[in-house]
PDB file of N, CA and C in Angstrom:
ATOM      1  N   MET A   1      27.042   8.516  32.263  1.00  0.00           N
ATOM      2  CA  MET A   1      27.660   9.184  30.428  1.00  0.00           C
ATOM      3  C   MET A   1      27.801   7.368  30.211  1.00  0.00           C
ATOM      4  N   GLY A   2      28.287   6.649  30.538  1.00  0.00           N
ATOM      5  CA  GLY A   2      28.453   5.001  30.500  1.00  0.00           C
ATOM      6  C   GLY A   2      26.935   5.002  30.263  1.00  0.00           C
ATOM      7  N   GLU A   3      25.727   4.958  30.605  1.00  0.00           N
ATOM      8  CA  GLU A   3      24.636   4.737  30.766  1.00  0.00           C
ATOM      9  C   GLU A   3      23.920   5.413  28.789  1.00  0.00           C
ATOM     10  N   ASP A   4      23.918   6.911  28.987  1.00  0.00           N
ATOM     11  CA  ASP A   4      23.775   7.578  27.681  1.00  0.00           C
ATOM     12  C   ASP A   4      24.656   6.782  26.135  1.00  0.00           C
ATOM     13  N   GLU A   5      25.871   6.156  26.374  1.00  0.00           N
ATOM     14  CA  GLU A   5      26.353   5.723  25.451  1.00  0.00           C
ATOM     15  C   GLU A   5      25.654   3.767  24.957  1.00  0.00           C
ATOM     16  N   ASP A   6      24.871   3.007  26.311  1.00  0.00           N
ATOM     17  CA  ASP A   6      24.436   2.165  25.563  1.00  0.00           C
ATOM     18  C   ASP A   6      23.400   2.116  24.840  1.00  0.00           C
ATOM     19  N   PHE A   7      22.607   3.570  25.471  1.00  0.00           N
ATOM     20  CA  PHE A   7      21.238   3.562  25.227  1.00  0.00           C
ATOM     21  C   PHE A   7      21.201   4.192  23.239  1.00  0.00           C
ATOM     22  N   ASP A   8      21.937   4.876  22.992  1.00  0.00           N
ATOM     23  CA  ASP A   8      22.868   4.977  21.768  1.00  0.00           C
ATOM     24  C   ASP A   8      22.770   4.148  20.841  1.00  0.00           C
ATOM     25  N   ASP A   9      23.746   3.067  21.306  1.00  0.00           N
ATOM     26  CA  ASP A   9      24.310   2.241  20.721  1.00  0.00           C
ATOM     27  C   ASP A   9      22.910   0.913  20.826  1.00  0.00           C
ATOM     28  N   ALA A  10      21.678   0.985  21.407  1.00  0.00           N
ATOM     29  CA  ALA A  10      20.661  -0.442  21.652  1.00  0.00           C
ATOM     30  C   ALA A  10      19.822   0.128  20.687  1.00  0.00           C
ATOM     31  N   GLU A  11      19.633   1.214  20.353  1.00  0.00           N
ATOM     32  CA  GLU A  11      18.837   2.329  19.488  1.00  0.00           C
ATOM     33  C   GLU A  11      19.325   2.266  17.743  1.00  0.00           C
ATOM     34  N   GLU A  12      20.912   2.464  17.562  1.00  0.00           N
ATOM     35  CA  GLU A  12      21.199   1.774  16.173  1.00  0.00           C
ATOM     36  C   GLU A  12      21.134   0.725  16.207  1.00  0.00           C
ATOM     37  N   GLU A  13      21.343  -0.572  16.863  1.00  0.00           N
ATOM     38  CA  GLU A  13      20.874  -1.597  16.662  1.00  0.00           C
ATOM     39  C   GLU A  13      19.806  -1.869  16.294  1.00  0.00           C
ATOM     40  N   PHE A  14      18.175  -1.057  17.228  1.00  0.00           N
ATOM     41  CA  PHE A  14      16.664  -0.846  16.474  1.00  0.00           C
ATOM     42  C   PHE A  14      16.666  -0.916  15.137  1.00  0.00           C
ATOM     43  N   GLU A  15      17.780   0.707  14.800  1.00  0.00           N
ATOM     44  CA  GLU A  15      17.519   1.056  13.375  1.00  0.00           C
ATOM     45  C   GLU A  15      17.923   0.426  12.012  1.00  0.00           C
ATOM     46  N   ASP A  16      18.837  -0.740  12.535  1.00  0.00           N
ATOM     47  CA  ASP A  16      19.522  -1.489  11.739  1.00  0.00           C
ATOM     48  C   ASP A  16      18.318  -2.985  11.496  1.00  0.00           C
ATOM     49  N   GLU A  17      17.566  -3.225  12.186  1.00  0.00           N
ATOM     50  CA  GLU A  17      17.232  -4.188  12.600  1.00  0.00           C
ATOM     51  C   GLU A  17      15.707  -4.135  11.985  1.00  0.00           C
ATOM     52  N   GLU A  18      15.654  -3.095  11.633  1.00  0.00           N
ATOM     53  CA  GLU A  18      13.971  -2.155  11.484  1.00  0.00           C
ATOM     54  C   GLU A  18      14.428  -2.135  10.091  1.00  0.00           C
ATOM     55  N   ASP A  19      15.554  -2.074   9.536  1.00  0.00           N
ATOM     56  CA  ASP A  19      15.701  -1.239   8.065  1.00  0.00           C
ATOM     57  C   ASP A  19      16.081  -2.674   7.297  1.00  0.00           C
ATOM     58  N   ASP A  20      16.434  -3.585   7.688  1.00  0.00           N
ATOM     59  CA  ASP A  20      16.755  -4.566   7.118  1.00  0.00           C
ATOM     60  C   ASP A  20      16.187  -5.315   6.674  1.00  0.00           C
ATOM     61  N   LEU A  21      16.220  -5.514   4.913  1.00  0.00           N
ATOM     62  CA  LEU A  21      15.375  -6.227   4.069  1.00  0.00           C
ATOM     63  C   LEU A  21      15.379  -7.583   4.069  1.00  0.00           C
ATOM     64  N   PHE A  22      15.982  -8.027   4.586  1.00  0.00           N
ATOM     65  CA  PHE A  22      16.103 -10.150   4.409  1.00  0.00           C
ATOM     66  C   PHE A  22      15.849 -10.371   6.011  1.00  0.00           C
ATOM     67  N   ALA A  23      14.980  -9.316   6.788  1.00  0.00           N
ATOM     68  CA  ALA A  23      14.930 -10.241   8.265  1.00  0.00           C
ATOM     69  C   ALA A  23      13.921 -10.663   8.152  1.00  0.00           C
ATOM     70  N   VAL A  24      14.101 -11.589   8.818  1.00  0.00           N
ATOM     71  CA  VAL A  24      12.930 -13.139   8.606  1.00  0.00           C
ATOM     72  C   VAL A  24      11.698 -12.455   9.923  1.00  0.00           C
ATOM     73  N   THR A  25      10.540 -12.037   9.009  1.00  0.00           N
ATOM     74  CA  THR A  25       9.005 -11.564   9.678  1.00  0.00           C
ATOM     75  C   THR A  25       8.399 -12.461  10.004  1.00  0.00           C
ATOM     76  N   PRO A  26       7.349 -12.378  11.146  1.00  0.00           N
ATOM     77  CA  PRO A  26       6.248 -13.075  11.047  1.00  0.00           C
ATOM     78  C   PRO A  26       5.467 -13.270  10.148  1.00  0.00           C
ATOM     79  N   GLU A  27       4.958 -11.819   9.275  1.00  0.00           N
ATOM     80  CA  GLU A  27       4.158 -11.798   8.386  1.00  0.00           C
ATOM     81  C   GLU A  27       4.698 -11.901   6.952  1.00  0.00           C
ATOM     82  N   PRO A  28       4.194 -12.192   5.958  1.00  0.00           N
ATOM     83  CA  PRO A  28       4.954 -12.346   4.238  1.00  0.00           C
ATOM     84  C   PRO A  28       5.033 -11.797   3.928  1.00  0.00           C
ATOM     85  N   ARG A  29       6.016 -10.867   3.209  1.00  0.00           N
ATOM     86  CA  ARG A  29       6.293  -9.569   2.669  1.00  0.00           C
ATOM     87  C   ARG A  29       7.137  -9.860   1.073  1.00  0.00           C
ATOM     88  N   THR A  30       6.691  -8.875   0.379  1.00  0.00           N
ATOM     89  CA  THR A  30       7.077  -9.335  -1.353  1.00  0.00           C
ATOM     90  C   THR A  30       7.551  -7.805  -1.442  1.00  0.00           C
ATOM     91  N   VAL A  31       9.173  -8.701  -2.179  1.00  0.00           N
ATOM     92  CA  VAL A  31      10.270  -7.361  -2.456  1.00  0.00           C
ATOM     93  C   VAL A  31       9.636  -6.651  -3.356  1.00  0.00           C
ATOM     94  N   CYS A  32       9.903  -4.933  -3.359  1.00  0.00           N
ATOM     95  CA  CYS A  32       9.087  -4.379  -5.048  1.00  0.00           C
ATOM     96  C   CYS A  32       9.758  -5.103  -6.398  1.00  0.00           C
ATOM     97  N   HIS A  33       9.254  -5.293  -7.110  1.00  0.00           N
ATOM     98  CA  HIS A  33       9.562  -5.977  -8.348  1.00  0.00           C
ATOM     99  C   HIS A  33      10.290  -4.908  -9.031  1.00  0.00           C
ATOM    100  N   LEU A  34       9.501  -3.956  -8.975  1.00  0.00           N
ATOM    101  CA  LEU A  34      10.538  -2.288  -9.822  1.00  0.00           C
ATOM    102  C   LEU A  34      11.651  -1.953  -9.448  1.00  0.00           C
ATOM    103  N   CYS A  35      12.192  -1.771  -8.028  1.00  0.00           N
ATOM    104  CA  CYS A  35      13.093  -1.288  -7.743  1.00  0.00           C
ATOM    105  C   CYS A  35      14.423  -2.431  -7.541  1.00  0.00           C
ATOM    106  N   GLY A  36      13.949  -3.608  -7.276  1.00  0.00           N
ATOM    107  CA  GLY A  36      14.089  -4.996  -6.085  1.00  0.00           C
ATOM    108  C   GLY A  36      14.837  -4.638  -5.390  1.00  0.00           C
ATOM    109  N   GLY A  37      13.630  -3.653  -4.278  1.00  0.00           N
ATOM    110  CA  GLY A  37      14.480  -3.914  -2.582  1.00  0.00           C
ATOM    111  C   GLY A  37      14.969  -2.657  -2.087  1.00  0.00           C
ATOM    112  N   ALA A  38      15.612  -1.834  -3.632  1.00  0.00           N
ATOM    113  CA  ALA A  38      16.213  -0.634  -3.632  1.00  0.00           C
ATOM    114  C   ALA A  38      16.246   0.479  -2.456  1.00  0.00           C
ATOM    115  N   GLY A  39      14.667   0.456  -3.191  1.00  0.00           N
ATOM    116  CA  GLY A  39      13.767   2.083  -2.801  1.00  0.00           C
ATOM    117  C   GLY A  39      14.165   2.804  -3.633  1.00  0.00           C
ATOM    118  N   PHE A  40      15.295   2.860  -4.810  1.00  0.00           N
ATOM    119  CA  PHE A  40      15.548   3.932  -6.038  1.00  0.00           C
ATOM    120  C   PHE A  40      15.258   3.645  -6.704  1.00  0.00           C
ATOM    121  N   ILE A  41      15.110   4.154  -8.127  1.00  0.00           N
ATOM    122  CA  ILE A  41      15.341   3.410  -9.561  1.00  0.00           C
ATOM    123  C   ILE A  41      16.170   4.405 -10.222  1.00  0.00           C
ATOM    124  N   ALA A  42      16.728   4.062 -11.545  1.00  0.00           N
ATOM    125  CA  ALA A  42      17.205   5.178 -12.146  1.00  0.00           C
ATOM    126  C   ALA A  42      16.848   5.977 -12.712  1.00  0.00           C
ATOM    127  N   SER A  43      17.657   7.785 -12.724  1.00  0.00           N
ATOM    128  CA  SER A  43      17.181   8.554 -13.244  1.00  0.00           C
ATOM    129  C   SER A  43      17.987   9.198 -14.011  1.00  0.00           C
ATOM    130  N   PRO A  44      18.441   8.970 -15.332  1.00  0.00           N
ATOM    131  CA  PRO A  44      19.556   9.228 -15.575  1.00  0.00           C
ATOM    132  C   PRO A  44      19.247  11.230 -16.097  1.00  0.00           C
ATOM    133  N   THR A  45      20.468  11.631 -15.973  1.00  0.00           N
ATOM    134  CA  THR A  45      20.222  13.126 -16.486  1.00  0.00           C
ATOM    135  C   THR A  45      21.226  13.920 -17.052  1.00  0.00           C
ATOM    136  N   LEU A  46      20.804  15.172 -17.792  1.00  0.00           N
ATOM    137  CA  LEU A  46      22.072  15.249 -18.974  1.00  0.00           C
ATOM    138  C   LEU A  46      23.204  16.189 -18.011  1.00  0.00           C
ATOM    139  N   ALA A  47      24.305  16.483 -18.175  1.00  0.00           N
ATOM    140  CA  ALA A  47      24.909  17.322 -17.070  1.00  0.00           C
ATOM    141  C   ALA A  47      25.912  17.865 -17.537  1.00  0.00           C
ATOM    142  N   ILE A  48      26.889  18.907 -17.566  1.00  0.00           N
ATOM    143  CA  ILE A  48      27.753  19.289 -18.050  1.00  0.00           C
ATOM    144  C   ILE A  48      29.271  19.258 -17.141  1.00  0.00           C
ATOM    145  N   ILE A  49      30.009  18.770 -17.071  1.00  0.00           N
ATOM    146  CA  ILE A  49      30.891  18.366 -16.130  1.00  0.00           C
ATOM    147  C   ILE A  49      32.261  18.431 -16.888  1.00  0.00           C
ATOM    148  N   GLY A  50      32.851  19.301 -16.346  1.00  0.00           N
ATOM    149  CA  GLY A  50      34.338  20.313 -17.202  1.00  0.00           C
ATOM    150  C   GLY A  50      34.416  20.402 -18.465  1.00  0.00           C
ATOM    151  N   GLY A  51      32.957  21.294 -18.799  1.00  0.00           N
ATOM    152  CA  GLY A  51      32.391  21.316 -19.743  1.00  0.00           C
ATOM    153  C   GLY A  51      31.719  20.675 -21.280  1.00  0.00           C
ATOM    154  N   ALA A  52      32.219  18.981 -20.575  1.00  0.00           N
ATOM    155  CA  ALA A  52      30.968  18.398 -21.737  1.00  0.00           C
ATOM    156  C   ALA A  52      30.133  17.799 -21.331  1.00  0.00           C
ATOM    157  N   PRO A  53      29.013  17.578 -21.932  1.00  0.00           N
ATOM    158  CA  PRO A  53      28.608  16.404 -21.590  1.00  0.00           C
ATOM    159  C   PRO A  53      27.833  15.288 -21.170  1.00  0.00           C
ATOM    160  N   ARG A  54      27.575  15.038 -20.400  1.00  0.00           N
ATOM    161  CA  ARG A  54      27.870  13.602 -19.323  1.00  0.00           C
ATOM    162  C   ARG A  54      26.746  13.202 -19.020  1.00  0.00           C
ATOM    163  N   THR A  55      25.968  12.241 -19.214  1.00  0.00           N
ATOM    164  CA  THR A  55      25.038  11.140 -18.432  1.00  0.00           C
ATOM    165  C   THR A  55      25.614  11.162 -16.672  1.00  0.00           C
ATOM    166  N   VAL A  56      24.487  11.837 -15.987  1.00  0.00           N
ATOM    167  CA  VAL A  56      24.490  11.713 -14.500  1.00  0.00           C
ATOM    168  C   VAL A  56      23.569  10.533 -14.275  1.00  0.00           C
ATOM    169  N   ASP A  57      23.335   9.551 -13.417  1.00  0.00           N
ATOM    170  CA  ASP A  57      22.498   8.876 -12.412  1.00  0.00           C
ATOM    171  C   ASP A  57      21.896   9.439 -11.402  1.00  0.00           C
ATOM    172  N   ASN A  58      21.592  10.287 -10.770  1.00  0.00           N
ATOM    173  CA  ASN A  58      21.081  10.629  -9.188  1.00  0.00           C
ATOM    174  C   ASN A  58      20.075   9.964  -8.622  1.00  0.00           C
ATOM    175  N   GLY A  59      19.213   8.950  -9.417  1.00  0.00           N
ATOM    176  CA  GLY A  59      19.108   7.997  -9.104  1.00  0.00           C
ATOM    177  C   GLY A  59      17.105   8.853  -8.441  1.00  0.00           C
ATOM    178  N   ARG A  60      16.171   8.328  -8.195  1.00  0.00           N
ATOM    179  CA  ARG A  60      14.636   8.714  -7.689  1.00  0.00           C
ATOM    180  C   ARG A  60      14.360   7.919  -6.591  1.00  0.00           C
ATOM    181  N   GLU A  61      13.094   8.620  -6.344  1.00  0.00           N
ATOM    182  CA  GLU A  61      12.187   7.598  -5.522  1.00  0.00           C
ATOM    183  C   GLU A  61      11.778   6.271  -6.094  1.00  0.00           C
ATOM    184  N   CYS A  62      11.138   5.135  -5.700  1.00  0.00           N
ATOM    185  CA  CYS A  62      10.962   4.463  -6.647  1.00  0.00           C
ATOM    186  C   CYS A  62       9.265   4.819  -6.353  1.00  0.00           C
ATOM    187  N   PRO A  63       8.537   4.481  -7.993  1.00  0.00           N
ATOM    188  CA  PRO A  63       7.189   5.338  -7.862  1.00  0.00           C
ATOM    189  C   PRO A  63       6.067   4.398  -7.044  1.00  0.00           C
ATOM    190  N   HIS A  64       6.622   2.755  -7.513  1.00  0.00           N
ATOM    191  CA  HIS A  64       5.699   1.886  -7.237  1.00  0.00           C
ATOM    192  C   HIS A  64       5.895   1.417  -5.638  1.00  0.00           C
ATOM    193  N   CYS A  65       6.889   1.466  -4.833  1.00  0.00           N
ATOM    194  CA  CYS A  65       6.833   1.290  -3.597  1.00  0.00           C
ATOM    195  C   CYS A  65       7.182   2.273  -2.993  1.00  0.00           C
ATOM    196  N   GLN A  66       6.907   3.807  -3.065  1.00  0.00           N
ATOM    197  CA  GLN A  66       7.375   4.785  -2.604  1.00  0.00           C
ATOM    198  C   GLN A  66       8.723   4.612  -1.022  1.00  0.00           C
ATOM    199  N   GLY A  67       9.752   4.118  -1.893  1.00  0.00           N
ATOM    200  CA  GLY A  67      11.150   4.138  -0.685  1.00  0.00           C
ATOM    201  C   GLY A  67      10.958   2.761  -0.052  1.00  0.00           C
ATOM    202  N   SER A  68       9.745   2.299   0.199  1.00  0.00           N
ATOM    203  CA  SER A  68       9.461   1.549   1.588  1.00  0.00           C
ATOM    204  C   SER A  68      10.264   0.188   1.307  1.00  0.00           C
ATOM    205  N   ARG A  69      10.468  -0.162  -0.610  1.00  0.00           N
ATOM    206  CA  ARG A  69      11.224  -1.521  -0.670  1.00  0.00           C
ATOM    207  C   ARG A  69      10.551  -2.741  -0.561  1.00  0.00           C
ATOM    208  N   THR A  70       9.577  -2.865   0.350  1.00  0.00           N
ATOM    209  CA  THR A  70       8.578  -4.061   0.309  1.00  0.00           C
ATOM    210  C   THR A  70       7.280  -3.813   0.443  1.00  0.00           C
ATOM    211  N   PHE A  71       6.562  -5.375   0.395  1.00  0.00           N
ATOM    212  CA  PHE A  71       4.682  -4.821   0.214  1.00  0.00           C
ATOM    213  C   PHE A  71       4.467  -5.333   1.229  1.00  0.00           C
ATOM    214  N   ASN A  72       3.826  -5.816   2.522  1.00  0.00           N
ATOM    215  CA  ASN A  72       2.997  -6.645   3.066  1.00  0.00           C
ATOM    216  C   ASN A  72       2.013  -7.795   2.062  1.00  0.00           C
ATOM    217  N   GLY A  73       1.695  -8.460   2.769  1.00  0.00           N
ATOM    218  CA  GLY A  73       1.596  -9.610   2.068  1.00  0.00           C
ATOM    219  C   GLY A  73       2.586 -10.309   0.601  1.00  0.00           C
ATOM    220  N   LEU A  74       1.808 -10.958  -0.082  1.00  0.00           N
ATOM    221  CA  LEU A  74       2.459 -11.588  -1.077  1.00  0.00           C
ATOM    222  C   LEU A  74       1.442 -11.233  -2.876  1.00  0.00           C
ATOM    223  N   ILE A  75       2.090 -10.487  -3.467  1.00  0.00           N
ATOM    224  CA  ILE A  75       1.802  -9.901  -4.379  1.00  0.00           C
ATOM    225  C   ILE A  75       2.228 -10.145  -5.277  1.00  0.00           C
ATOM    226  N   PRO A  76       2.404 -10.970  -6.552  1.00  0.00           N
ATOM    227  CA  PRO A  76       2.589 -11.670  -7.551  1.00  0.00           C
ATOM    228  C   PRO A  76       2.801 -10.048  -8.714  1.00  0.00           C
ATOM    229  N   PRO A  77       3.879 -10.398  -9.391  1.00  0.00           N
ATOM    230  CA  PRO A  77       4.238  -9.536 -10.615  1.00  0.00           C
ATOM    231  C   PRO A  77       2.645  -9.470 -11.550  1.00  0.00           C
ATOM    232  N   LEU A  78       2.914  -7.955 -11.562  1.00  0.00           N
ATOM    233  CA  LEU A  78       2.093  -7.618 -12.678  1.00  0.00           C
ATOM    234  C   LEU A  78       2.800  -7.395 -14.080  1.00  0.00           C
TER     235      LEU A  78
END
């Protein structure tokens, strides 16, 4: 049982390292210019909450980077 727990912890650490936007990588990469590295952009939607109309921001996947947050290489903003 102890070995399984160690394996699960190691797997979680690997996932965190892979998902780190600011990790040092051997190849250059560019943070997405549209979403700023968040992977999603605002998508305000009308909702009725408690009988009153309100704007709710659900967010949606960034159309420029498709949620990957970065691009390989150095890409100037267009």
